[in-house]
Amino acid sequence: SLFITNSIQAQENSTTTINANNLSKHLSTIILPEPIKRVQPKYPINA
């Protein structure tokens, strides 16, 4: 992990066009759908 951090740190002087914190939130946020009906799968007979 530290090696990766150091490798990425070498790019620190690159121009960034988006705030890192906002990017992190954007990448990890998913719109969750609201279920009304869910059918459970059948267990295969042979299994």
ModelCIF file with pLDDT and N, C-alpha, C, O atoms, coordinates in Angstrom:
data_MODEL
#
_entry.id   MODEL 
#
_entity.id                         1 
_entity.type                       polymer 
_entity.pdbx_number_of_molecules   1 
#
_entity_poly.entity_id                      1 
_entity_poly.type                           'polypeptide(L)' 
_entity_poly.nstd_linkage                   no 
_entity_poly.nstd_monomer                   no 
_entity_poly.pdbx_seq_one_letter_code       SLFITNSIQAQENSTTTINANNLSKHLSTIILPEPIKRVQPKYPINA 
_entity_poly.pdbx_seq_one_letter_code_can   SLFITNSIQAQENSTTTINANNLSKHLSTIILPEPIKRVQPKYPINA 
_entity_poly.pdbx_strand_id                 A 
#
loop_
_entity_poly_seq.entity_id 
_entity_poly_seq.num 
_entity_poly_seq.mon_id 
_entity_poly_seq.hetero 
1 1  SER n 
1 2  LEU n 
1 3  PHE n 
1 4  ILE n 
1 5  THR n 
1 6  ASN n 
1 7  SER n 
1 8  ILE n 
1 9  GLN n 
1 10 ALA n 
1 11 GLN n 
1 12 GLU n 
1 13 ASN n 
1 14 SER n 
1 15 THR n 
1 16 THR n 
1 17 THR n 
1 18 ILE n 
1 19 ASN n 
1 20 ALA n 
1 21 ASN n 
1 22 ASN n 
1 23 LEU n 
1 24 SER n 
1 25 LYS n 
1 26 HIS n 
1 27 LEU n 
1 28 SER n 
1 29 THR n 
1 30 ILE n 
1 31 ILE n 
1 32 LEU n 
1 33 PRO n 
1 34 GLU n 
1 35 PRO n 
1 36 ILE n 
1 37 LYS n 
1 38 ARG n 
1 39 VAL n 
1 40 GLN n 
1 41 PRO n 
1 42 LYS n 
1 43 TYR n 
1 44 PRO n 
1 45 ILE n 
1 46 ASN n 
1 47 ALA n 
#
_struct_asym.id          A 
_struct_asym.entity_id   1 
#
loop_
_ma_qa_metric.id 
_ma_qa_metric.mode 
_ma_qa_metric.name 
_ma_qa_metric.software_group_id 
_ma_qa_metric.type 
1 global pLDDT . pLDDT 
2 local  pLDDT . pLDDT 
#
_ma_qa_metric_global.metric_id      1 
_ma_qa_metric_global.metric_value   57.36 
_ma_qa_metric_global.model_id       1 
_ma_qa_metric_global.ordinal_id     1 
#
loop_
_ma_qa_metric_local.label_asym_id 
_ma_qa_metric_local.label_comp_id 
_ma_qa_metric_local.label_seq_id 
_ma_qa_metric_local.metric_id 
_ma_qa_metric_local.metric_value 
_ma_qa_metric_local.model_id 
_ma_qa_metric_local.ordinal_id 
A SER 1  2 47.00 1 1  
A LEU 2  2 44.00 1 2  
A PHE 3  2 44.00 1 3  
A ILE 4  2 43.00 1 4  
A THR 5  2 42.00 1 5  
A ASN 6  2 43.00 1 6  
A SER 7  2 42.00 1 7  
A ILE 8  2 40.00 1 8  
A GLN 9  2 39.00 1 9  
A ALA 10 2 40.00 1 10 
A GLN 11 2 41.00 1 11 
A GLU 12 2 37.00 1 12 
A ASN 13 2 38.00 1 13 
A SER 14 2 37.00 1 14 
A THR 15 2 34.00 1 15 
A THR 16 2 36.00 1 16 
A THR 17 2 38.00 1 17 
A ILE 18 2 40.00 1 18 
A ASN 19 2 46.00 1 19 
A ALA 20 2 44.00 1 20 
A ASN 21 2 47.00 1 21 
A ASN 22 2 51.00 1 22 
A LEU 23 2 49.00 1 23 
A SER 24 2 47.00 1 24 
A LYS 25 2 46.00 1 25 
A HIS 26 2 48.00 1 26 
A LEU 27 2 47.00 1 27 
A SER 28 2 43.00 1 28 
A THR 29 2 44.00 1 29 
A ILE 30 2 44.00 1 30 
A ILE 31 2 48.00 1 31 
A LEU 32 2 56.00 1 32 
A PRO 33 2 64.00 1 33 
A GLU 34 2 77.00 1 34 
A PRO 35 2 84.00 1 35 
A ILE 36 2 90.00 1 36 
A LYS 37 2 90.00 1 37 
A ARG 38 2 89.00 1 38 
A VAL 39 2 90.00 1 39 
A GLN 40 2 91.00 1 40 
A PRO 41 2 93.00 1 41 
A LYS 42 2 94.00 1 42 
A TYR 43 2 92.00 1 43 
A PRO 44 2 91.00 1 44 
A ILE 45 2 91.00 1 45 
A ASN 46 2 88.00 1 46 
A ALA 47 2 87.00 1 47 
#
loop_
_atom_site.group_PDB 
_atom_site.id 
_atom_site.type_symbol 
_atom_site.label_atom_id 
_atom_site.label_alt_id 
_atom_site.label_comp_id 
_atom_site.label_asym_id 
_atom_site.label_entity_id 
_atom_site.label_seq_id 
_atom_site.pdbx_PDB_ins_code 
_atom_site.Cartn_x 
_atom_site.Cartn_y 
_atom_site.Cartn_z 
_atom_site.occupancy 
_atom_site.B_iso_or_equiv 
_atom_site.pdbx_formal_charge 
_atom_site.auth_seq_id 
_atom_site.auth_comp_id 
_atom_site.auth_asym_id 
_atom_site.auth_atom_id 
_atom_site.pdbx_PDB_model_num 
ATOM 1   N N  . SER A 1 1  ? 0.825   -1.203  0.000   1.00 47.00 ? 1  SER A N  1 
ATOM 2   C CA . SER A 1 1  ? 0.000   0.000   0.000   1.00 47.00 ? 1  SER A CA 1 
ATOM 3   C C  . SER A 1 1  ? 0.860   1.254   0.000   1.00 47.00 ? 1  SER A C  1 
ATOM 4   O O  . SER A 1 1  ? 0.562   2.218   -0.705  1.00 47.00 ? 1  SER A O  1 
ATOM 5   N N  . LEU A 1 2  ? 1.944   1.239   0.804   1.00 44.00 ? 2  LEU A N  1 
ATOM 6   C CA . LEU A 1 2  ? 2.836   2.386   0.869   1.00 44.00 ? 2  LEU A CA 1 
ATOM 7   C C  . LEU A 1 2  ? 3.548   2.600   -0.457  1.00 44.00 ? 2  LEU A C  1 
ATOM 8   O O  . LEU A 1 2  ? 3.761   3.736   -0.881  1.00 44.00 ? 2  LEU A O  1 
ATOM 9   N N  . PHE A 1 3  ? 3.919   1.492   -1.118  1.00 44.00 ? 3  PHE A N  1 
ATOM 10  C CA . PHE A 1 3  ? 4.562   1.586   -2.424  1.00 44.00 ? 3  PHE A CA 1 
ATOM 11  C C  . PHE A 1 3  ? 3.634   2.257   -3.425  1.00 44.00 ? 3  PHE A C  1 
ATOM 12  O O  . PHE A 1 3  ? 4.051   3.109   -4.209  1.00 44.00 ? 3  PHE A O  1 
ATOM 13  N N  . ILE A 1 4  ? 2.360   1.854   -3.381  1.00 43.00 ? 4  ILE A N  1 
ATOM 14  C CA . ILE A 1 4  ? 1.378   2.444   -4.287  1.00 43.00 ? 4  ILE A CA 1 
ATOM 15  C C  . ILE A 1 4  ? 1.213   3.926   -3.972  1.00 43.00 ? 4  ILE A C  1 
ATOM 16  O O  . ILE A 1 4  ? 1.137   4.759   -4.875  1.00 43.00 ? 4  ILE A O  1 
ATOM 17  N N  . THR A 1 5  ? 1.157   4.248   -2.667  1.00 42.00 ? 5  THR A N  1 
ATOM 18  C CA . THR A 1 5  ? 1.025   5.644   -2.256  1.00 42.00 ? 5  THR A CA 1 
ATOM 19  C C  . THR A 1 5  ? 2.175   6.474   -2.787  1.00 42.00 ? 5  THR A C  1 
ATOM 20  O O  . THR A 1 5  ? 1.965   7.564   -3.318  1.00 42.00 ? 5  THR A O  1 
ATOM 21  N N  . ASN A 1 6  ? 3.407   5.959   -2.647  1.00 43.00 ? 6  ASN A N  1 
ATOM 22  C CA . ASN A 1 6  ? 4.581   6.682   -3.106  1.00 43.00 ? 6  ASN A CA 1 
ATOM 23  C C  . ASN A 1 6  ? 4.575   6.843   -4.622  1.00 43.00 ? 6  ASN A C  1 
ATOM 24  O O  . ASN A 1 6  ? 4.974   7.884   -5.144  1.00 43.00 ? 6  ASN A O  1 
ATOM 25  N N  . SER A 1 7  ? 4.116   5.793   -5.334  1.00 42.00 ? 7  SER A N  1 
ATOM 26  C CA . SER A 1 7  ? 4.060   5.857   -6.796  1.00 42.00 ? 7  SER A CA 1 
ATOM 27  C C  . SER A 1 7  ? 3.086   6.931   -7.245  1.00 42.00 ? 7  SER A C  1 
ATOM 28  O O  . SER A 1 7  ? 3.356   7.690   -8.176  1.00 42.00 ? 7  SER A O  1 
ATOM 29  N N  . ILE A 1 8  ? 1.940   6.981   -6.562  1.00 40.00 ? 8  ILE A N  1 
ATOM 30  C CA . ILE A 1 8  ? 0.931   7.980   -6.916  1.00 40.00 ? 8  ILE A CA 1 
ATOM 31  C C  . ILE A 1 8  ? 1.397   9.376   -6.526  1.00 40.00 ? 8  ILE A C  1 
ATOM 32  O O  . ILE A 1 8  ? 1.089   10.359  -7.200  1.00 40.00 ? 8  ILE A O  1 
ATOM 33  N N  . GLN A 1 9  ? 2.159   9.447   -5.409  1.00 39.00 ? 9  GLN A N  1 
ATOM 34  C CA . GLN A 1 9  ? 2.619   10.741  -4.917  1.00 39.00 ? 9  GLN A CA 1 
ATOM 35  C C  . GLN A 1 9  ? 3.541   11.410  -5.929  1.00 39.00 ? 9  GLN A C  1 
ATOM 36  O O  . GLN A 1 9  ? 3.658   12.636  -5.958  1.00 39.00 ? 9  GLN A O  1 
ATOM 37  N N  . ALA A 1 10 ? 4.199   10.595  -6.762  1.00 40.00 ? 10 ALA A N  1 
ATOM 38  C CA . ALA A 1 10 ? 5.083   11.143  -7.780  1.00 40.00 ? 10 ALA A CA 1 
ATOM 39  C C  . ALA A 1 10 ? 4.320   11.963  -8.801  1.00 40.00 ? 10 ALA A C  1 
ATOM 40  O O  . ALA A 1 10 ? 4.903   12.766  -9.529  1.00 40.00 ? 10 ALA A O  1 
ATOM 41  N N  . GLN A 1 11 ? 2.989   11.753  -8.850  1.00 41.00 ? 11 GLN A N  1 
ATOM 42  C CA . GLN A 1 11 ? 2.159   12.480  -9.811  1.00 41.00 ? 11 GLN A CA 1 
ATOM 43  C C  . GLN A 1 11 ? 1.520   13.721  -9.169  1.00 41.00 ? 11 GLN A C  1 
ATOM 44  O O  . GLN A 1 11 ? 0.668   14.356  -9.790  1.00 41.00 ? 11 GLN A O  1 
ATOM 45  N N  . GLU A 1 12 ? 1.918   14.079  -7.931  1.00 37.00 ? 12 GLU A N  1 
ATOM 46  C CA . GLU A 1 12 ? 1.233   15.148  -7.197  1.00 37.00 ? 12 GLU A CA 1 
ATOM 47  C C  . GLU A 1 12 ? 1.274   16.486  -7.927  1.00 37.00 ? 12 GLU A C  1 
ATOM 48  O O  . GLU A 1 12 ? 0.378   17.314  -7.762  1.00 37.00 ? 12 GLU A O  1 
ATOM 49  N N  . ASN A 1 13 ? 2.319   16.697  -8.741  1.00 38.00 ? 13 ASN A N  1 
ATOM 50  C CA . ASN A 1 13 ? 2.452   17.973  -9.419  1.00 38.00 ? 13 ASN A CA 1 
ATOM 51  C C  . ASN A 1 13 ? 1.528   18.102  -10.624 1.00 38.00 ? 13 ASN A C  1 
ATOM 52  O O  . ASN A 1 13 ? 1.434   19.168  -11.232 1.00 38.00 ? 13 ASN A O  1 
ATOM 53  N N  . SER A 1 14 ? 0.828   16.982  -10.973 1.00 37.00 ? 14 SER A N  1 
ATOM 54  C CA . SER A 1 14 ? -0.107  17.018  -12.095 1.00 37.00 ? 14 SER A CA 1 
ATOM 55  C C  . SER A 1 14 ? -1.274  17.928  -11.779 1.00 37.00 ? 14 SER A C  1 
ATOM 56  O O  . SER A 1 14 ? -1.671  18.052  -10.620 1.00 37.00 ? 14 SER A O  1 
ATOM 57  N N  . THR A 1 15 ? -1.834  18.574  -12.808 1.00 34.00 ? 15 THR A N  1 
ATOM 58  C CA . THR A 1 15 ? -2.987  19.437  -12.617 1.00 34.00 ? 15 THR A CA 1 
ATOM 59  C C  . THR A 1 15 ? -4.222  18.613  -12.329 1.00 34.00 ? 15 THR A C  1 
ATOM 60  O O  . THR A 1 15 ? -4.565  17.728  -13.113 1.00 34.00 ? 15 THR A O  1 
ATOM 61  N N  . THR A 1 16 ? -4.908  18.884  -11.211 1.00 36.00 ? 16 THR A N  1 
ATOM 62  C CA . THR A 1 16 ? -6.140  18.177  -10.899 1.00 36.00 ? 16 THR A CA 1 
ATOM 63  C C  . THR A 1 16 ? -7.317  19.051  -11.249 1.00 36.00 ? 16 THR A C  1 
ATOM 64  O O  . THR A 1 16 ? -7.283  20.262  -11.035 1.00 36.00 ? 16 THR A O  1 
ATOM 65  N N  . THR A 1 17 ? -8.368  18.443  -11.789 1.00 38.00 ? 17 THR A N  1 
ATOM 66  C CA . THR A 1 17 ? -9.529  19.201  -12.245 1.00 38.00 ? 17 THR A CA 1 
ATOM 67  C C  . THR A 1 17 ? -10.750 18.943  -11.394 1.00 38.00 ? 17 THR A C  1 
ATOM 68  O O  . THR A 1 17 ? -11.830 19.456  -11.685 1.00 38.00 ? 17 THR A O  1 
ATOM 69  N N  . ILE A 1 18 ? -10.593 18.152  -10.345 1.00 40.00 ? 18 ILE A N  1 
ATOM 70  C CA . ILE A 1 18 ? -11.746 17.818  -9.515  1.00 40.00 ? 18 ILE A CA 1 
ATOM 71  C C  . ILE A 1 18 ? -11.283 17.598  -8.091  1.00 40.00 ? 18 ILE A C  1 
ATOM 72  O O  . ILE A 1 18 ? -10.225 17.006  -7.877  1.00 40.00 ? 18 ILE A O  1 
ATOM 73  N N  . ASN A 1 19 ? -12.036 18.054  -7.122  1.00 46.00 ? 19 ASN A N  1 
ATOM 74  C CA . ASN A 1 19 ? -11.677 17.898  -5.723  1.00 46.00 ? 19 ASN A CA 1 
ATOM 75  C C  . ASN A 1 19 ? -11.659 16.429  -5.333  1.00 46.00 ? 19 ASN A C  1 
ATOM 76  O O  . ASN A 1 19 ? -12.602 15.695  -5.629  1.00 46.00 ? 19 ASN A O  1 
ATOM 77  N N  . ALA A 1 20 ? -10.580 15.992  -4.661  1.00 44.00 ? 20 ALA A N  1 
ATOM 78  C CA . ALA A 1 20 ? -10.419 14.566  -4.335  1.00 44.00 ? 20 ALA A CA 1 
ATOM 79  C C  . ALA A 1 20 ? -11.529 14.059  -3.431  1.00 44.00 ? 20 ALA A C  1 
ATOM 80  O O  . ALA A 1 20 ? -12.025 12.949  -3.627  1.00 44.00 ? 20 ALA A O  1 
ATOM 81  N N  . ASN A 1 21 ? -11.926 14.851  -2.443  1.00 47.00 ? 21 ASN A N  1 
ATOM 82  C CA . ASN A 1 21 ? -12.976 14.403  -1.529  1.00 47.00 ? 21 ASN A CA 1 
ATOM 83  C C  . ASN A 1 21 ? -14.303 14.230  -2.261  1.00 47.00 ? 21 ASN A C  1 
ATOM 84  O O  . ASN A 1 21 ? -15.023 13.259  -2.030  1.00 47.00 ? 21 ASN A O  1 
ATOM 85  N N  . ASN A 1 22 ? -14.620 15.173  -3.142  1.00 51.00 ? 22 ASN A N  1 
ATOM 86  C CA . ASN A 1 22 ? -15.857 15.064  -3.911  1.00 51.00 ? 22 ASN A CA 1 
ATOM 87  C C  . ASN A 1 22 ? -15.811 13.865  -4.844  1.00 51.00 ? 22 ASN A C  1 
ATOM 88  O O  . ASN A 1 22 ? -16.815 13.181  -5.040  1.00 51.00 ? 22 ASN A O  1 
ATOM 89  N N  . LEU A 1 23 ? -14.637 13.615  -5.421  1.00 49.00 ? 23 LEU A N  1 
ATOM 90  C CA . LEU A 1 23 ? -14.493 12.479  -6.316  1.00 49.00 ? 23 LEU A CA 1 
ATOM 91  C C  . LEU A 1 23 ? -14.717 11.185  -5.569  1.00 49.00 ? 23 LEU A C  1 
ATOM 92  O O  . LEU A 1 23 ? -15.393 10.283  -6.065  1.00 49.00 ? 23 LEU A O  1 
ATOM 93  N N  . SER A 1 24 ? -14.148 11.089  -4.368  1.00 47.00 ? 24 SER A N  1 
ATOM 94  C CA . SER A 1 24 ? -14.308 9.883   -3.562  1.00 47.00 ? 24 SER A CA 1 
ATOM 95  C C  . SER A 1 24 ? -15.772 9.617   -3.276  1.00 47.00 ? 24 SER A C  1 
ATOM 96  O O  . SER A 1 24 ? -16.233 8.480   -3.380  1.00 47.00 ? 24 SER A O  1 
ATOM 97  N N  . LYS A 1 25 ? -16.506 10.660  -2.916  1.00 46.00 ? 25 LYS A N  1 
ATOM 98  C CA . LYS A 1 25 ? -17.931 10.500  -2.629  1.00 46.00 ? 25 LYS A CA 1 
ATOM 99  C C  . LYS A 1 25 ? -18.681 10.088  -3.902  1.00 46.00 ? 25 LYS A C  1 
ATOM 100 O O  . LYS A 1 25 ? -19.592 9.262   -3.856  1.00 46.00 ? 25 LYS A O  1 
ATOM 101 N N  . HIS A 1 26 ? -18.289 10.672  -5.030  1.00 48.00 ? 26 HIS A N  1 
ATOM 102 C CA . HIS A 1 26 ? -18.949 10.363  -6.298  1.00 48.00 ? 26 HIS A CA 1 
ATOM 103 C C  . HIS A 1 26 ? -18.750 8.906   -6.690  1.00 48.00 ? 26 HIS A C  1 
ATOM 104 O O  . HIS A 1 26 ? -19.679 8.246   -7.155  1.00 48.00 ? 26 HIS A O  1 
ATOM 105 N N  . LEU A 1 27 ? -17.527 8.409   -6.499  1.00 47.00 ? 27 LEU A N  1 
ATOM 106 C CA . LEU A 1 27 ? -17.229 7.046   -6.920  1.00 47.00 ? 27 LEU A CA 1 
ATOM 107 C C  . LEU A 1 27 ? -17.887 6.005   -6.041  1.00 47.00 ? 27 LEU A C  1 
ATOM 108 O O  . LEU A 1 27 ? -18.207 4.911   -6.506  1.00 47.00 ? 27 LEU A O  1 
ATOM 109 N N  . SER A 1 28 ? -18.093 6.336   -4.770  1.00 43.00 ? 28 SER A N  1 
ATOM 110 C CA . SER A 1 28 ? -18.608 5.331   -3.843  1.00 43.00 ? 28 SER A CA 1 
ATOM 111 C C  . SER A 1 28 ? -20.107 5.466   -3.584  1.00 43.00 ? 28 SER A C  1 
ATOM 112 O O  . SER A 1 28 ? -20.663 4.722   -2.776  1.00 43.00 ? 28 SER A O  1 
ATOM 113 N N  . THR A 1 29 ? -20.769 6.412   -4.266  1.00 44.00 ? 29 THR A N  1 
ATOM 114 C CA . THR A 1 29 ? -22.197 6.629   -4.060  1.00 44.00 ? 29 THR A CA 1 
ATOM 115 C C  . THR A 1 29 ? -22.993 6.004   -5.202  1.00 44.00 ? 29 THR A C  1 
ATOM 116 O O  . THR A 1 29 ? -22.736 6.280   -6.374  1.00 44.00 ? 29 THR A O  1 
ATOM 117 N N  . ILE A 1 30 ? -23.946 5.173   -4.853  1.00 44.00 ? 30 ILE A N  1 
ATOM 118 C CA . ILE A 1 30 ? -24.808 4.550   -5.844  1.00 44.00 ? 30 ILE A CA 1 
ATOM 119 C C  . ILE A 1 30 ? -26.257 4.798   -5.454  1.00 44.00 ? 30 ILE A C  1 
ATOM 120 O O  . ILE A 1 30 ? -26.624 4.649   -4.288  1.00 44.00 ? 30 ILE A O  1 
ATOM 121 N N  . ILE A 1 31 ? -27.080 5.175   -6.424  1.00 48.00 ? 31 ILE A N  1 
ATOM 122 C CA . ILE A 1 31 ? -28.497 5.379   -6.147  1.00 48.00 ? 31 ILE A CA 1 
ATOM 123 C C  . ILE A 1 31 ? -29.137 4.027   -5.871  1.00 48.00 ? 31 ILE A C  1 
ATOM 124 O O  . ILE A 1 31 ? -29.126 3.150   -6.735  1.00 48.00 ? 31 ILE A O  1 
ATOM 125 N N  . LEU A 1 32 ? -29.690 3.849   -4.687  1.00 56.00 ? 32 LEU A N  1 
ATOM 126 C CA . LEU A 1 32 ? -30.293 2.580   -4.317  1.00 56.00 ? 32 LEU A CA 1 
ATOM 127 C C  . LEU A 1 32 ? -31.765 2.557   -4.715  1.00 56.00 ? 32 LEU A C  1 
ATOM 128 O O  . LEU A 1 32 ? -32.529 3.419   -4.281  1.00 56.00 ? 32 LEU A O  1 
ATOM 129 N N  . PRO A 1 33 ? -32.175 1.594   -5.525  1.00 64.00 ? 33 PRO A N  1 
ATOM 130 C CA . PRO A 1 33 ? -33.589 1.491   -5.902  1.00 64.00 ? 33 PRO A CA 1 
ATOM 131 C C  . PRO A 1 33 ? -34.433 1.007   -4.738  1.00 64.00 ? 33 PRO A C  1 
ATOM 132 O O  . PRO A 1 33 ? -33.927 0.346   -3.831  1.00 64.00 ? 33 PRO A O  1 
ATOM 133 N N  . GLU A 1 34 ? -35.709 1.331   -4.761  1.00 77.00 ? 34 GLU A N  1 
ATOM 134 C CA . GLU A 1 34 ? -36.620 0.931   -3.675  1.00 77.00 ? 34 GLU A CA 1 
ATOM 135 C C  . GLU A 1 34 ? -37.469 -0.257  -4.131  1.00 77.00 ? 34 GLU A C  1 
ATOM 136 O O  . GLU A 1 34 ? -38.329 -0.111  -5.000  1.00 77.00 ? 34 GLU A O  1 
ATOM 137 N N  . PRO A 1 35 ? -37.228 -1.429  -3.545  1.00 84.00 ? 35 PRO A N  1 
ATOM 138 C CA . PRO A 1 35 ? -37.954 -2.622  -3.997  1.00 84.00 ? 35 PRO A CA 1 
ATOM 139 C C  . PRO A 1 35 ? -39.400 -2.646  -3.521  1.00 84.00 ? 35 PRO A C  1 
ATOM 140 O O  . PRO A 1 35 ? -39.705 -2.203  -2.414  1.00 84.00 ? 35 PRO A O  1 
ATOM 141 N N  . ILE A 1 36 ? -40.274 -3.157  -4.351  1.00 90.00 ? 36 ILE A N  1 
ATOM 142 C CA . ILE A 1 36 ? -41.679 -3.367  -4.006  1.00 90.00 ? 36 ILE A CA 1 
ATOM 143 C C  . ILE A 1 36 ? -41.957 -4.859  -3.850  1.00 90.00 ? 36 ILE A C  1 
ATOM 144 O O  . ILE A 1 36 ? -42.676 -5.277  -2.942  1.00 90.00 ? 36 ILE A O  1 
ATOM 145 N N  . LYS A 1 37 ? -41.377 -5.658  -4.751  1.00 90.00 ? 37 LYS A N  1 
ATOM 146 C CA . LYS A 1 37 ? -41.599 -7.102  -4.740  1.00 90.00 ? 37 LYS A CA 1 
ATOM 147 C C  . LYS A 1 37 ? -40.300 -7.818  -5.093  1.00 90.00 ? 37 LYS A C  1 
ATOM 148 O O  . LYS A 1 37 ? -39.646 -7.487  -6.082  1.00 90.00 ? 37 LYS A O  1 
ATOM 149 N N  . ARG A 1 38 ? -39.934 -8.800  -4.273  1.00 89.00 ? 38 ARG A N  1 
ATOM 150 C CA . ARG A 1 38 ? -38.763 -9.623  -4.553  1.00 89.00 ? 38 ARG A CA 1 
ATOM 151 C C  . ARG A 1 38 ? -39.129 -11.099 -4.431  1.00 89.00 ? 38 ARG A C  1 
ATOM 152 O O  . ARG A 1 38 ? -39.680 -11.537 -3.421  1.00 89.00 ? 38 ARG A O  1 
ATOM 153 N N  . VAL A 1 39 ? -38.820 -11.837 -5.453  1.00 90.00 ? 39 VAL A N  1 
ATOM 154 C CA . VAL A 1 39 ? -39.087 -13.274 -5.474  1.00 90.00 ? 39 VAL A CA 1 
ATOM 155 C C  . VAL A 1 39 ? -37.795 -14.018 -5.169  1.00 90.00 ? 39 VAL A C  1 
ATOM 156 O O  . VAL A 1 39 ? -36.775 -13.769 -5.811  1.00 90.00 ? 39 VAL A O  1 
ATOM 157 N N  . GLN A 1 40 ? -37.824 -14.925 -4.199  1.00 91.00 ? 40 GLN A N  1 
ATOM 158 C CA . GLN A 1 40 ? -36.643 -15.702 -3.851  1.00 91.00 ? 40 GLN A CA 1 
ATOM 159 C C  . GLN A 1 40 ? -36.380 -16.769 -4.910  1.00 91.00 ? 40 GLN A C  1 
ATOM 160 O O  . GLN A 1 40 ? -37.320 -17.381 -5.418  1.00 91.00 ? 40 GLN A O  1 
ATOM 161 N N  . PRO A 1 41 ? -35.111 -16.996 -5.245  1.00 93.00 ? 41 PRO A N  1 
ATOM 162 C CA . PRO A 1 41 ? -34.815 -18.031 -6.245  1.00 93.00 ? 41 PRO A CA 1 
ATOM 163 C C  . PRO A 1 41 ? -35.078 -19.431 -5.699  1.00 93.00 ? 41 PRO A C  1 
ATOM 164 O O  . PRO A 1 41 ? -34.960 -19.670 -4.498  1.00 93.00 ? 41 PRO A O  1 
ATOM 165 N N  . LYS A 1 42 ? -35.432 -20.344 -6.585  1.00 94.00 ? 42 LYS A N  1 
ATOM 166 C CA . LYS A 1 42 ? -35.622 -21.734 -6.188  1.00 94.00 ? 42 LYS A CA 1 
ATOM 167 C C  . LYS A 1 42 ? -34.261 -22.426 -6.090  1.00 94.00 ? 42 LYS A C  1 
ATOM 168 O O  . LYS A 1 42 ? -33.358 -22.176 -6.888  1.00 94.00 ? 42 LYS A O  1 
ATOM 169 N N  . TYR A 1 43 ? -34.144 -23.290 -5.102  1.00 92.00 ? 43 TYR A N  1 
ATOM 170 C CA . TYR A 1 43 ? -32.896 -24.040 -4.955  1.00 92.00 ? 43 TYR A CA 1 
ATOM 171 C C  . TYR A 1 43 ? -32.927 -25.171 -5.985  1.00 92.00 ? 43 TYR A C  1 
ATOM 172 O O  . TYR A 1 43 ? -33.851 -25.985 -5.970  1.00 92.00 ? 43 TYR A O  1 
ATOM 173 N N  . PRO A 1 44 ? -31.921 -25.237 -6.891  1.00 91.00 ? 44 PRO A N  1 
ATOM 174 C CA . PRO A 1 44 ? -31.921 -26.311 -7.896  1.00 91.00 ? 44 PRO A CA 1 
ATOM 175 C C  . PRO A 1 44 ? -32.024 -27.691 -7.242  1.00 91.00 ? 44 PRO A C  1 
ATOM 176 O O  . PRO A 1 44 ? -31.324 -27.968 -6.269  1.00 91.00 ? 44 PRO A O  1 
ATOM 177 N N  . ILE A 1 45 ? -32.885 -28.548 -7.767  1.00 91.00 ? 45 ILE A N  1 
ATOM 178 C CA . ILE A 1 45 ? -33.161 -29.855 -7.160  1.00 91.00 ? 45 ILE A CA 1 
ATOM 179 C C  . ILE A 1 45 ? -31.892 -30.693 -7.021  1.00 91.00 ? 45 ILE A C  1 
ATOM 180 O O  . ILE A 1 45 ? -31.622 -31.240 -5.952  1.00 91.00 ? 45 ILE A O  1 
ATOM 181 N N  . ASN A 1 46 ? -31.113 -30.794 -8.098  1.00 88.00 ? 46 ASN A N  1 
ATOM 182 C CA . ASN A 1 46 ? -29.899 -31.605 -8.054  1.00 88.00 ? 46 ASN A CA 1 
ATOM 183 C C  . ASN A 1 46 ? -28.883 -31.062 -7.051  1.00 88.00 ? 46 ASN A C  1 
ATOM 184 O O  . ASN A 1 46 ? -28.178 -31.828 -6.394  1.00 88.00 ? 46 ASN A O  1 
ATOM 185 N N  . ALA A 1 47 ? -28.814 -29.731 -6.940  1.00 87.00 ? 47 ALA A N  1 
ATOM 186 C CA . ALA A 1 47 ? -27.892 -29.125 -5.978  1.00 87.00 ? 47 ALA A CA 1 
ATOM 187 C C  . ALA A 1 47 ? -28.345 -29.411 -4.552  1.00 87.00 ? 47 ALA A C  1 
ATOM 188 O O  . ALA A 1 47 ? -27.694 -28.981 -3.599  1.00 87.00 ? 47 ALA A O  1 
#
